[in-house]
All heavy atoms as atom14 arrays in JSON, in Angstrom:
{
  "sequence": "DYVRQAISKMGPEDQSAVIAFGGDALVEHPMSASKEFGEMTSIPDA",
  "atom14_mask": [
    [1, 1, 1, 1, 1, 1, 1, 1, 0, 0, 0, 0, 0, 0],
    [1, 1, 1, 1, 1, 1, 1, 1, 1, 1, 1, 1, 0, 0],
    [1, 1, 1, 1, 1, 1, 1, 0, 0, 0, 0, 0, 0, 0],
    [1, 1, 1, 1, 1, 1, 1, 1, 1, 1, 1, 0, 0, 0],
    [1, 1, 1, 1, 1, 1, 1, 1, 1, 0, 0, 0, 0, 0],
    [1, 1, 1, 1, 1, 0, 0, 0, 0, 0, 0, 0, 0, 0],
    [1, 1, 1, 1, 1, 1, 1, 1, 0, 0, 0, 0, 0, 0],
    [1, 1, 1, 1, 1, 1, 0, 0, 0, 0, 0, 0, 0, 0],
    [1, 1, 1, 1, 1, 1, 1, 1, 1, 0, 0, 0, 0, 0],
    [1, 1, 1, 1, 1, 1, 1, 1, 0, 0, 0, 0, 0, 0],
    [1, 1, 1, 1, 0, 0, 0, 0, 0, 0, 0, 0, 0, 0],
    [1, 1, 1, 1, 1, 1, 1, 0, 0, 0, 0, 0, 0, 0],
    [1, 1, 1, 1, 1, 1, 1, 1, 1, 0, 0, 0, 0, 0],
    [1, 1, 1, 1, 1, 1, 1, 1, 0, 0, 0, 0, 0, 0],
    [1, 1, 1, 1, 1, 1, 1, 1, 1, 0, 0, 0, 0, 0],
    [1, 1, 1, 1, 1, 1, 0, 0, 0, 0, 0, 0, 0, 0],
    [1, 1, 1, 1, 1, 0, 0, 0, 0, 0, 0, 0, 0, 0],
    [1, 1, 1, 1, 1, 1, 1, 0, 0, 0, 0, 0, 0, 0],
    [1, 1, 1, 1, 1, 1, 1, 1, 0, 0, 0, 0, 0, 0],
    [1, 1, 1, 1, 1, 0, 0, 0, 0, 0, 0, 0, 0, 0],
    [1, 1, 1, 1, 1, 1, 1, 1, 1, 1, 1, 0, 0, 0],
    [1, 1, 1, 1, 0, 0, 0, 0, 0, 0, 0, 0, 0, 0],
    [1, 1, 1, 1, 0, 0, 0, 0, 0, 0, 0, 0, 0, 0],
    [1, 1, 1, 1, 1, 1, 1, 1, 0, 0, 0, 0, 0, 0],
    [1, 1, 1, 1, 1, 0, 0, 0, 0, 0, 0, 0, 0, 0],
    [1, 1, 1, 1, 1, 1, 1, 1, 0, 0, 0, 0, 0, 0],
    [1, 1, 1, 1, 1, 1, 1, 0, 0, 0, 0, 0, 0, 0],
    [1, 1, 1, 1, 1, 1, 1, 1, 1, 0, 0, 0, 0, 0],
    [1, 1, 1, 1, 1, 1, 1, 1, 1, 1, 0, 0, 0, 0],
    [1, 1, 1, 1, 1, 1, 1, 0, 0, 0, 0, 0, 0, 0],
    [1, 1, 1, 1, 1, 1, 1, 1, 0, 0, 0, 0, 0, 0],
    [1, 1, 1, 1, 1, 1, 0, 0, 0, 0, 0, 0, 0, 0],
    [1, 1, 1, 1, 1, 0, 0, 0, 0, 0, 0, 0, 0, 0],
    [1, 1, 1, 1, 1, 1, 0, 0, 0, 0, 0, 0, 0, 0],
    [1, 1, 1, 1, 1, 1, 1, 1, 1, 0, 0, 0, 0, 0],
    [1, 1, 1, 1, 1, 1, 1, 1, 1, 0, 0, 0, 0, 0],
    [1, 1, 1, 1, 1, 1, 1, 1, 1, 1, 1, 0, 0, 0],
    [1, 1, 1, 1, 0, 0, 0, 0, 0, 0, 0, 0, 0, 0],
    [1, 1, 1, 1, 1, 1, 1, 1, 1, 0, 0, 0, 0, 0],
    [1, 1, 1, 1, 1, 1, 1, 1, 0, 0, 0, 0, 0, 0],
    [1, 1, 1, 1, 1, 1, 1, 0, 0, 0, 0, 0, 0, 0],
    [1, 1, 1, 1, 1, 1, 0, 0, 0, 0, 0, 0, 0, 0],
    [1, 1, 1, 1, 1, 1, 1, 1, 0, 0, 0, 0, 0, 0],
    [1, 1, 1, 1, 1, 1, 1, 0, 0, 0, 0, 0, 0, 0],
    [1, 1, 1, 1, 1, 1, 1, 1, 0, 0, 0, 0, 0, 0],
    [1, 1, 1, 1, 1, 0, 0, 0, 0, 0, 0, 0, 0, 0]
  ],
  "atom14_positions": [
    [[59.77, 8.68, 78.24], [59.05, 9.03, 76.97], [58.37, 10.4, 77.07], [58.33, 11.18, 76.17], [58.11, 7.95, 76.55], [58.79, 6.71, 76.08], [59.95, 6.79, 75.63], [58.15, 5.6, 76.09], [0.0, 0.0, 0.0], [0.0, 0.0, 0.0], [0.0, 0.0, 0.0], [0.0, 0.0, 0.0], [0.0, 0.0, 0.0], [0.0, 0.0, 0.0]],
    [[57.77, 10.55, 78.28], [57.07, 11.88, 78.51], [58.07, 13.03, 78.45], [57.83, 14.06, 77.86], [56.4, 11.79, 79.93], [55.85, 13.14, 80.29], [54.58, 13.46, 79.83], [56.48, 14.04, 81.1], [53.96, 14.78, 80.21], [55.99, 15.16, 81.51], [54.77, 15.52, 80.96], [54.23, 16.77, 81.3], [0.0, 0.0, 0.0], [0.0, 0.0, 0.0]],
    [[59.25, 12.79, 79.04], [60.35, 13.89, 79.04], [60.7, 14.17, 77.62], [60.85, 15.3, 77.13], [61.49, 13.49, 79.9], [62.68, 14.47, 79.75], [61.09, 13.49, 81.45], [0.0, 0.0, 0.0], [0.0, 0.0, 0.0], [0.0, 0.0, 0.0], [0.0, 0.0, 0.0], [0.0, 0.0, 0.0], [0.0, 0.0, 0.0], [0.0, 0.0, 0.0]],
    [[60.89, 13.17, 76.79], [61.39, 13.34, 75.39], [60.28, 14.12, 74.62], [60.61, 15.06, 73.93], [61.55, 11.99, 74.77], [62.89, 11.37, 74.98], [63.14, 10.23, 74.05], [64.04, 9.27, 74.81], [63.81, 8.33, 75.69], [62.59, 8.07, 75.96], [64.74, 7.59, 76.24], [0.0, 0.0, 0.0], [0.0, 0.0, 0.0], [0.0, 0.0, 0.0]],
    [[58.98, 13.79, 74.83], [57.92, 14.56, 74.11], [57.82, 15.98, 74.6], [57.66, 16.87, 73.71], [56.59, 13.77, 74.37], [56.45, 12.47, 73.68], [55.17, 11.73, 74.02], [54.39, 12.17, 74.9], [54.86, 10.65, 73.36], [0.0, 0.0, 0.0], [0.0, 0.0, 0.0], [0.0, 0.0, 0.0], [0.0, 0.0, 0.0], [0.0, 0.0, 0.0]],
    [[57.96, 16.15, 75.91], [57.85, 17.48, 76.44], [58.99, 18.4, 75.92], [58.8, 19.54, 75.55], [57.75, 17.47, 78.07], [0.0, 0.0, 0.0], [0.0, 0.0, 0.0], [0.0, 0.0, 0.0], [0.0, 0.0, 0.0], [0.0, 0.0, 0.0], [0.0, 0.0, 0.0], [0.0, 0.0, 0.0], [0.0, 0.0, 0.0], [0.0, 0.0, 0.0]],
    [[60.22, 17.84, 75.89], [61.4, 18.57, 75.48], [61.27, 18.93, 73.96], [61.51, 20.01, 73.49], [62.68, 17.88, 75.79], [62.94, 17.9, 77.27], [63.89, 18.47, 74.97], [64.17, 17.02, 77.67], [0.0, 0.0, 0.0], [0.0, 0.0, 0.0], [0.0, 0.0, 0.0], [0.0, 0.0, 0.0], [0.0, 0.0, 0.0], [0.0, 0.0, 0.0]],
    [[60.67, 18.0, 73.2], [60.62, 18.24, 71.72], [59.59, 19.31, 71.42], [59.67, 20.0, 70.43], [60.23, 16.96, 71.06], [58.93, 16.57, 71.36], [0.0, 0.0, 0.0], [0.0, 0.0, 0.0], [0.0, 0.0, 0.0], [0.0, 0.0, 0.0], [0.0, 0.0, 0.0], [0.0, 0.0, 0.0], [0.0, 0.0, 0.0], [0.0, 0.0, 0.0]],
    [[58.58, 19.54, 72.3], [57.51, 20.55, 72.12], [57.91, 21.89, 72.68], [57.09, 22.84, 72.55], [56.24, 20.05, 72.64], [55.73, 18.86, 71.99], [54.4, 18.37, 72.56], [53.89, 17.14, 71.79], [52.66, 16.59, 72.33], [0.0, 0.0, 0.0], [0.0, 0.0, 0.0], [0.0, 0.0, 0.0], [0.0, 0.0, 0.0], [0.0, 0.0, 0.0]],
    [[59.02, 22.09, 73.36], [59.38, 23.27, 74.03], [59.83, 24.32, 72.84], [60.15, 23.96, 71.78], [60.5, 23.11, 75.01], [60.11, 22.36, 76.22], [61.41, 21.99, 77.35], [61.62, 23.65, 78.02], [0.0, 0.0, 0.0], [0.0, 0.0, 0.0], [0.0, 0.0, 0.0], [0.0, 0.0, 0.0], [0.0, 0.0, 0.0], [0.0, 0.0, 0.0]],
    [[59.74, 25.52, 73.22], [60.13, 26.62, 72.3], [61.55, 26.7, 72.02], [62.31, 26.03, 72.75], [0.0, 0.0, 0.0], [0.0, 0.0, 0.0], [0.0, 0.0, 0.0], [0.0, 0.0, 0.0], [0.0, 0.0, 0.0], [0.0, 0.0, 0.0], [0.0, 0.0, 0.0], [0.0, 0.0, 0.0], [0.0, 0.0, 0.0], [0.0, 0.0, 0.0]],
    [[61.95, 27.42, 71.06], [63.41, 27.49, 70.61], [64.31, 28.11, 71.67], [65.5, 27.78, 71.78], [63.38, 28.41, 69.34], [62.14, 29.1, 69.39], [61.15, 28.34, 70.19], [0.0, 0.0, 0.0], [0.0, 0.0, 0.0], [0.0, 0.0, 0.0], [0.0, 0.0, 0.0], [0.0, 0.0, 0.0], [0.0, 0.0, 0.0], [0.0, 0.0, 0.0]],
    [[63.81, 29.06, 72.46], [64.6, 29.77, 73.52], [64.43, 29.02, 74.85], [65.2, 29.41, 75.78], [64.26, 31.18, 73.68], [64.38, 32.07, 72.37], [65.85, 32.1, 72.06], [66.73, 32.29, 72.95], [66.21, 31.99, 70.79], [0.0, 0.0, 0.0], [0.0, 0.0, 0.0], [0.0, 0.0, 0.0], [0.0, 0.0, 0.0], [0.0, 0.0, 0.0]],
    [[63.63, 28.08, 74.97], [63.33, 27.42, 76.28], [64.47, 26.41, 76.54], [65.09, 25.78, 75.62], [62.03, 26.68, 76.26], [60.87, 27.69, 76.11], [61.12, 28.86, 76.44], [59.81, 27.26, 75.75], [0.0, 0.0, 0.0], [0.0, 0.0, 0.0], [0.0, 0.0, 0.0], [0.0, 0.0, 0.0], [0.0, 0.0, 0.0], [0.0, 0.0, 0.0]],
    [[64.77, 26.19, 77.85], [65.82, 25.3, 78.32], [65.19, 24.28, 79.14], [64.17, 24.35, 79.76], [66.87, 26.05, 79.1], [67.63, 27.07, 78.3], [68.68, 27.78, 79.19], [68.75, 27.57, 80.34], [69.43, 28.67, 78.51], [0.0, 0.0, 0.0], [0.0, 0.0, 0.0], [0.0, 0.0, 0.0], [0.0, 0.0, 0.0], [0.0, 0.0, 0.0]],
    [[65.92, 23.1, 79.18], [65.48, 21.95, 79.99], [66.67, 21.21, 80.57], [67.74, 21.3, 80.06], [64.63, 21.05, 79.2], [65.33, 20.44, 78.24], [0.0, 0.0, 0.0], [0.0, 0.0, 0.0], [0.0, 0.0, 0.0], [0.0, 0.0, 0.0], [0.0, 0.0, 0.0], [0.0, 0.0, 0.0], [0.0, 0.0, 0.0], [0.0, 0.0, 0.0]],
    [[66.41, 20.52, 81.69], [67.41, 19.65, 82.35], [66.64, 18.45, 82.85], [65.47, 18.61, 83.11], [68.09, 20.43, 83.47], [0.0, 0.0, 0.0], [0.0, 0.0, 0.0], [0.0, 0.0, 0.0], [0.0, 0.0, 0.0], [0.0, 0.0, 0.0], [0.0, 0.0, 0.0], [0.0, 0.0, 0.0], [0.0, 0.0, 0.0], [0.0, 0.0, 0.0]],
    [[67.4, 17.33, 82.93], [66.79, 16.11, 83.43], [67.69, 15.61, 84.62], [68.9, 15.56, 84.48], [66.71, 15.03, 82.35], [66.11, 13.74, 82.96], [65.89, 15.54, 81.21], [0.0, 0.0, 0.0], [0.0, 0.0, 0.0], [0.0, 0.0, 0.0], [0.0, 0.0, 0.0], [0.0, 0.0, 0.0], [0.0, 0.0, 0.0], [0.0, 0.0, 0.0]],
    [[66.99, 15.32, 85.72], [67.63, 14.72, 86.9], [67.16, 13.33, 87.21], [65.91, 13.16, 87.33], [67.49, 15.68, 88.14], [68.19, 17.0, 87.84], [68.08, 15.0, 89.4], [68.02, 18.03, 88.94], [0.0, 0.0, 0.0], [0.0, 0.0, 0.0], [0.0, 0.0, 0.0], [0.0, 0.0, 0.0], [0.0, 0.0, 0.0], [0.0, 0.0, 0.0]],
    [[68.04, 12.39, 87.37], [67.63, 11.02, 87.79], [68.0, 10.93, 89.25], [69.01, 11.37, 89.72], [68.37, 10.01, 86.99], [0.0, 0.0, 0.0], [0.0, 0.0, 0.0], [0.0, 0.0, 0.0], [0.0, 0.0, 0.0], [0.0, 0.0, 0.0], [0.0, 0.0, 0.0], [0.0, 0.0, 0.0], [0.0, 0.0, 0.0], [0.0, 0.0, 0.0]],
    [[66.96, 10.45, 90.05], [67.19, 10.42, 91.48], [66.78, 9.02, 92.09], [65.94, 8.39, 91.47], [66.53, 11.56, 92.15], [65.02, 11.45, 92.2], [64.37, 10.89, 93.26], [64.26, 11.93, 91.22], [63.02, 10.8, 93.42], [62.91, 11.83, 91.25], [62.21, 11.29, 92.34], [0.0, 0.0, 0.0], [0.0, 0.0, 0.0], [0.0, 0.0, 0.0]],
    [[67.45, 8.72, 93.13], [67.1, 7.52, 93.97], [67.44, 8.0, 95.3], [66.91, 8.88, 95.93], [0.0, 0.0, 0.0], [0.0, 0.0, 0.0], [0.0, 0.0, 0.0], [0.0, 0.0, 0.0], [0.0, 0.0, 0.0], [0.0, 0.0, 0.0], [0.0, 0.0, 0.0], [0.0, 0.0, 0.0], [0.0, 0.0, 0.0], [0.0, 0.0, 0.0]],
    [[68.51, 7.3, 95.91], [69.1, 7.75, 97.16], [69.86, 8.94, 97.02], [70.09, 9.74, 97.96], [0.0, 0.0, 0.0], [0.0, 0.0, 0.0], [0.0, 0.0, 0.0], [0.0, 0.0, 0.0], [0.0, 0.0, 0.0], [0.0, 0.0, 0.0], [0.0, 0.0, 0.0], [0.0, 0.0, 0.0], [0.0, 0.0, 0.0], [0.0, 0.0, 0.0]],
    [[70.36, 9.25, 95.89], [71.06, 10.44, 95.53], [70.59, 11.01, 94.24], [69.67, 10.31, 93.64], [72.59, 10.29, 95.41], [72.95, 9.11, 94.45], [72.05, 8.35, 93.95], [74.16, 9.0, 94.19], [0.0, 0.0, 0.0], [0.0, 0.0, 0.0], [0.0, 0.0, 0.0], [0.0, 0.0, 0.0], [0.0, 0.0, 0.0], [0.0, 0.0, 0.0]],
    [[70.97, 12.18, 93.85], [70.42, 12.78, 92.58], [71.54, 13.06, 91.63], [72.62, 13.6, 92.04], [69.7, 14.12, 92.88], [0.0, 0.0, 0.0], [0.0, 0.0, 0.0], [0.0, 0.0, 0.0], [0.0, 0.0, 0.0], [0.0, 0.0, 0.0], [0.0, 0.0, 0.0], [0.0, 0.0, 0.0], [0.0, 0.0, 0.0], [0.0, 0.0, 0.0]],
    [[71.41, 12.77, 90.35], [72.41, 12.95, 89.36], [71.85, 13.71, 88.24], [70.77, 13.49, 87.75], [72.96, 11.54, 88.94], [73.49, 10.66, 89.98], [73.79, 9.32, 89.43], [74.75, 11.21, 90.57], [0.0, 0.0, 0.0], [0.0, 0.0, 0.0], [0.0, 0.0, 0.0], [0.0, 0.0, 0.0], [0.0, 0.0, 0.0], [0.0, 0.0, 0.0]],
    [[72.65, 14.56, 87.65], [72.15, 15.36, 86.49], [72.38, 14.5, 85.2], [73.51, 14.09, 84.82], [73.01, 16.6, 86.25], [72.55, 17.44, 85.05], [72.82, 17.59, 87.52], [0.0, 0.0, 0.0], [0.0, 0.0, 0.0], [0.0, 0.0, 0.0], [0.0, 0.0, 0.0], [0.0, 0.0, 0.0], [0.0, 0.0, 0.0], [0.0, 0.0, 0.0]],
    [[71.35, 14.18, 84.66], [71.41, 13.26, 83.47], [71.53, 14.21, 82.18], [72.19, 13.77, 81.24], [70.0, 12.48, 83.33], [69.85, 11.63, 82.14], [70.86, 10.41, 82.19], [71.21, 9.91, 83.3], [71.3, 10.04, 81.09], [0.0, 0.0, 0.0], [0.0, 0.0, 0.0], [0.0, 0.0, 0.0], [0.0, 0.0, 0.0], [0.0, 0.0, 0.0]],
    [[70.86, 15.26, 82.14], [70.91, 16.15, 81.0], [71.04, 17.61, 81.56], [70.05, 18.06, 82.22], [69.67, 16.04, 80.19], [69.49, 16.92, 78.96], [70.3, 16.82, 77.97], [68.6, 17.96, 78.8], [69.89, 17.75, 77.04], [68.9, 18.45, 77.6], [0.0, 0.0, 0.0], [0.0, 0.0, 0.0], [0.0, 0.0, 0.0], [0.0, 0.0, 0.0]],
    [[72.18, 18.27, 81.39], [72.37, 19.6, 82.07], [71.37, 20.6, 81.33], [70.9, 20.41, 80.22], [73.76, 19.98, 81.82], [74.15, 19.14, 80.61], [73.33, 17.8, 80.65], [0.0, 0.0, 0.0], [0.0, 0.0, 0.0], [0.0, 0.0, 0.0], [0.0, 0.0, 0.0], [0.0, 0.0, 0.0], [0.0, 0.0, 0.0], [0.0, 0.0, 0.0]],
    [[71.15, 21.71, 82.01], [70.27, 22.83, 81.54], [70.87, 23.34, 80.19], [71.9, 23.82, 80.09], [70.2, 23.88, 82.5], [69.24, 25.02, 82.2], [67.49, 24.48, 82.29], [67.23, 24.25, 84.01], [0.0, 0.0, 0.0], [0.0, 0.0, 0.0], [0.0, 0.0, 0.0], [0.0, 0.0, 0.0], [0.0, 0.0, 0.0], [0.0, 0.0, 0.0]],
    [[70.07, 23.17, 79.19], [70.45, 23.66, 77.85], [69.18, 23.75, 77.0], [68.16, 23.22, 77.29], [71.44, 22.68, 77.22], [70.83, 21.48, 76.85], [0.0, 0.0, 0.0], [0.0, 0.0, 0.0], [0.0, 0.0, 0.0], [0.0, 0.0, 0.0], [0.0, 0.0, 0.0], [0.0, 0.0, 0.0], [0.0, 0.0, 0.0], [0.0, 0.0, 0.0]],
    [[69.33, 24.41, 75.81], [68.3, 24.57, 74.83], [68.19, 23.43, 73.93], [67.31, 23.37, 73.0], [68.47, 25.84, 74.07], [0.0, 0.0, 0.0], [0.0, 0.0, 0.0], [0.0, 0.0, 0.0], [0.0, 0.0, 0.0], [0.0, 0.0, 0.0], [0.0, 0.0, 0.0], [0.0, 0.0, 0.0], [0.0, 0.0, 0.0], [0.0, 0.0, 0.0]],
    [[69.04, 22.37, 74.11], [69.06, 21.19, 73.22], [67.74, 20.49, 73.33], [67.12, 20.25, 74.4], [70.21, 20.26, 73.57], [70.06, 19.07, 72.88], [0.0, 0.0, 0.0], [0.0, 0.0, 0.0], [0.0, 0.0, 0.0], [0.0, 0.0, 0.0], [0.0, 0.0, 0.0], [0.0, 0.0, 0.0], [0.0, 0.0, 0.0], [0.0, 0.0, 0.0]],
    [[67.19, 20.0, 72.21], [65.94, 19.3, 72.19], [66.13, 17.74, 72.12], [65.26, 16.96, 71.87], [65.12, 19.65, 70.89], [64.81, 21.18, 70.89], [63.98, 21.59, 72.01], [63.75, 23.09, 71.93], [64.0, 23.84, 73.14], [0.0, 0.0, 0.0], [0.0, 0.0, 0.0], [0.0, 0.0, 0.0], [0.0, 0.0, 0.0], [0.0, 0.0, 0.0]],
    [[67.39, 17.36, 72.29], [67.74, 15.86, 72.24], [67.9, 15.34, 73.71], [68.46, 15.97, 74.54], [69.12, 15.69, 71.53], [69.14, 16.14, 70.13], [68.19, 15.37, 69.27], [68.16, 14.15, 69.44], [67.51, 15.99, 68.41], [0.0, 0.0, 0.0], [0.0, 0.0, 0.0], [0.0, 0.0, 0.0], [0.0, 0.0, 0.0], [0.0, 0.0, 0.0]],
    [[67.16, 14.22, 73.87], [67.33, 13.48, 75.18], [67.36, 11.97, 74.8], [66.31, 11.49, 74.43], [66.12, 13.84, 76.1], [66.28, 13.08, 77.41], [67.3, 13.16, 78.23], [65.21, 12.2, 77.7], [67.3, 12.44, 79.44], [65.22, 11.44, 78.89], [66.35, 11.59, 79.73], [0.0, 0.0, 0.0], [0.0, 0.0, 0.0], [0.0, 0.0, 0.0]],
    [[68.46, 11.39, 74.92], [68.55, 9.94, 74.64], [68.25, 9.08, 75.84], [67.41, 9.43, 76.71], [0.0, 0.0, 0.0], [0.0, 0.0, 0.0], [0.0, 0.0, 0.0], [0.0, 0.0, 0.0], [0.0, 0.0, 0.0], [0.0, 0.0, 0.0], [0.0, 0.0, 0.0], [0.0, 0.0, 0.0], [0.0, 0.0, 0.0], [0.0, 0.0, 0.0]],
    [[68.81, 7.91, 75.82], [68.63, 6.96, 76.91], [69.35, 7.41, 78.21], [70.38, 8.11, 78.22], [69.13, 5.61, 76.56], [68.46, 4.99, 75.4], [66.99, 4.63, 75.71], [66.74, 4.16, 76.86], [66.18, 4.93, 74.9], [0.0, 0.0, 0.0], [0.0, 0.0, 0.0], [0.0, 0.0, 0.0], [0.0, 0.0, 0.0], [0.0, 0.0, 0.0]],
    [[68.71, 7.11, 79.38], [69.36, 7.5, 80.64], [70.53, 6.61, 80.89], [70.48, 5.38, 80.76], [68.33, 7.33, 81.79], [67.26, 8.46, 81.75], [66.15, 8.4, 83.14], [67.21, 8.26, 84.52], [0.0, 0.0, 0.0], [0.0, 0.0, 0.0], [0.0, 0.0, 0.0], [0.0, 0.0, 0.0], [0.0, 0.0, 0.0], [0.0, 0.0, 0.0]],
    [[71.64, 7.26, 81.32], [72.92, 6.5, 81.56], [73.33, 6.61, 83.04], [74.13, 5.8, 83.47], [74.11, 7.02, 80.69], [74.29, 8.44, 80.93], [73.72, 6.77, 79.19], [0.0, 0.0, 0.0], [0.0, 0.0, 0.0], [0.0, 0.0, 0.0], [0.0, 0.0, 0.0], [0.0, 0.0, 0.0], [0.0, 0.0, 0.0], [0.0, 0.0, 0.0]],
    [[72.72, 7.55, 83.72], [73.12, 7.73, 85.2], [72.42, 6.59, 86.0], [71.3, 6.15, 85.75], [72.58, 9.0, 85.77], [73.16, 10.12, 85.04], [0.0, 0.0, 0.0], [0.0, 0.0, 0.0], [0.0, 0.0, 0.0], [0.0, 0.0, 0.0], [0.0, 0.0, 0.0], [0.0, 0.0, 0.0], [0.0, 0.0, 0.0], [0.0, 0.0, 0.0]],
    [[73.19, 6.18, 87.04], [72.68, 5.05, 87.86], [72.75, 5.59, 89.27], [73.8, 5.44, 89.98], [73.46, 3.83, 87.71], [73.51, 3.35, 86.25], [72.93, 2.74, 88.69], [74.37, 2.18, 85.97], [0.0, 0.0, 0.0], [0.0, 0.0, 0.0], [0.0, 0.0, 0.0], [0.0, 0.0, 0.0], [0.0, 0.0, 0.0], [0.0, 0.0, 0.0]],
    [[71.67, 6.23, 89.84], [71.71, 6.63, 91.22], [71.49, 5.46, 92.13], [71.18, 4.34, 91.7], [70.49, 7.65, 91.3], [69.65, 7.21, 90.17], [70.5, 6.61, 89.08], [0.0, 0.0, 0.0], [0.0, 0.0, 0.0], [0.0, 0.0, 0.0], [0.0, 0.0, 0.0], [0.0, 0.0, 0.0], [0.0, 0.0, 0.0], [0.0, 0.0, 0.0]],
    [[71.72, 5.69, 93.45], [71.47, 4.67, 94.46], [69.94, 4.25, 94.36], [69.13, 5.05, 94.73], [71.81, 5.24, 95.85], [71.55, 4.25, 96.91], [71.39, 3.08, 96.72], [71.4, 4.74, 98.16], [0.0, 0.0, 0.0], [0.0, 0.0, 0.0], [0.0, 0.0, 0.0], [0.0, 0.0, 0.0], [0.0, 0.0, 0.0], [0.0, 0.0, 0.0]],
    [[69.72, 3.01, 93.91], [68.35, 2.65, 93.69], [67.68, 2.04, 94.84], [66.45, 1.73, 94.92], [68.33, 1.52, 92.55], [0.0, 0.0, 0.0], [0.0, 0.0, 0.0], [0.0, 0.0, 0.0], [0.0, 0.0, 0.0], [0.0, 0.0, 0.0], [0.0, 0.0, 0.0], [0.0, 0.0, 0.0], [0.0, 0.0, 0.0], [0.0, 0.0, 0.0]]
  ]
}
């Protein structure tokens, strides 16, 4: 929820990416200017 709020408040030229990590790290949302971030689908080694 924090990530969703932060991404929605970013400027129009700003970019964001989301990484889910556990034992390994997976790119959940690649670096882009998109303001959409849905549910996490990546399943790292928990």
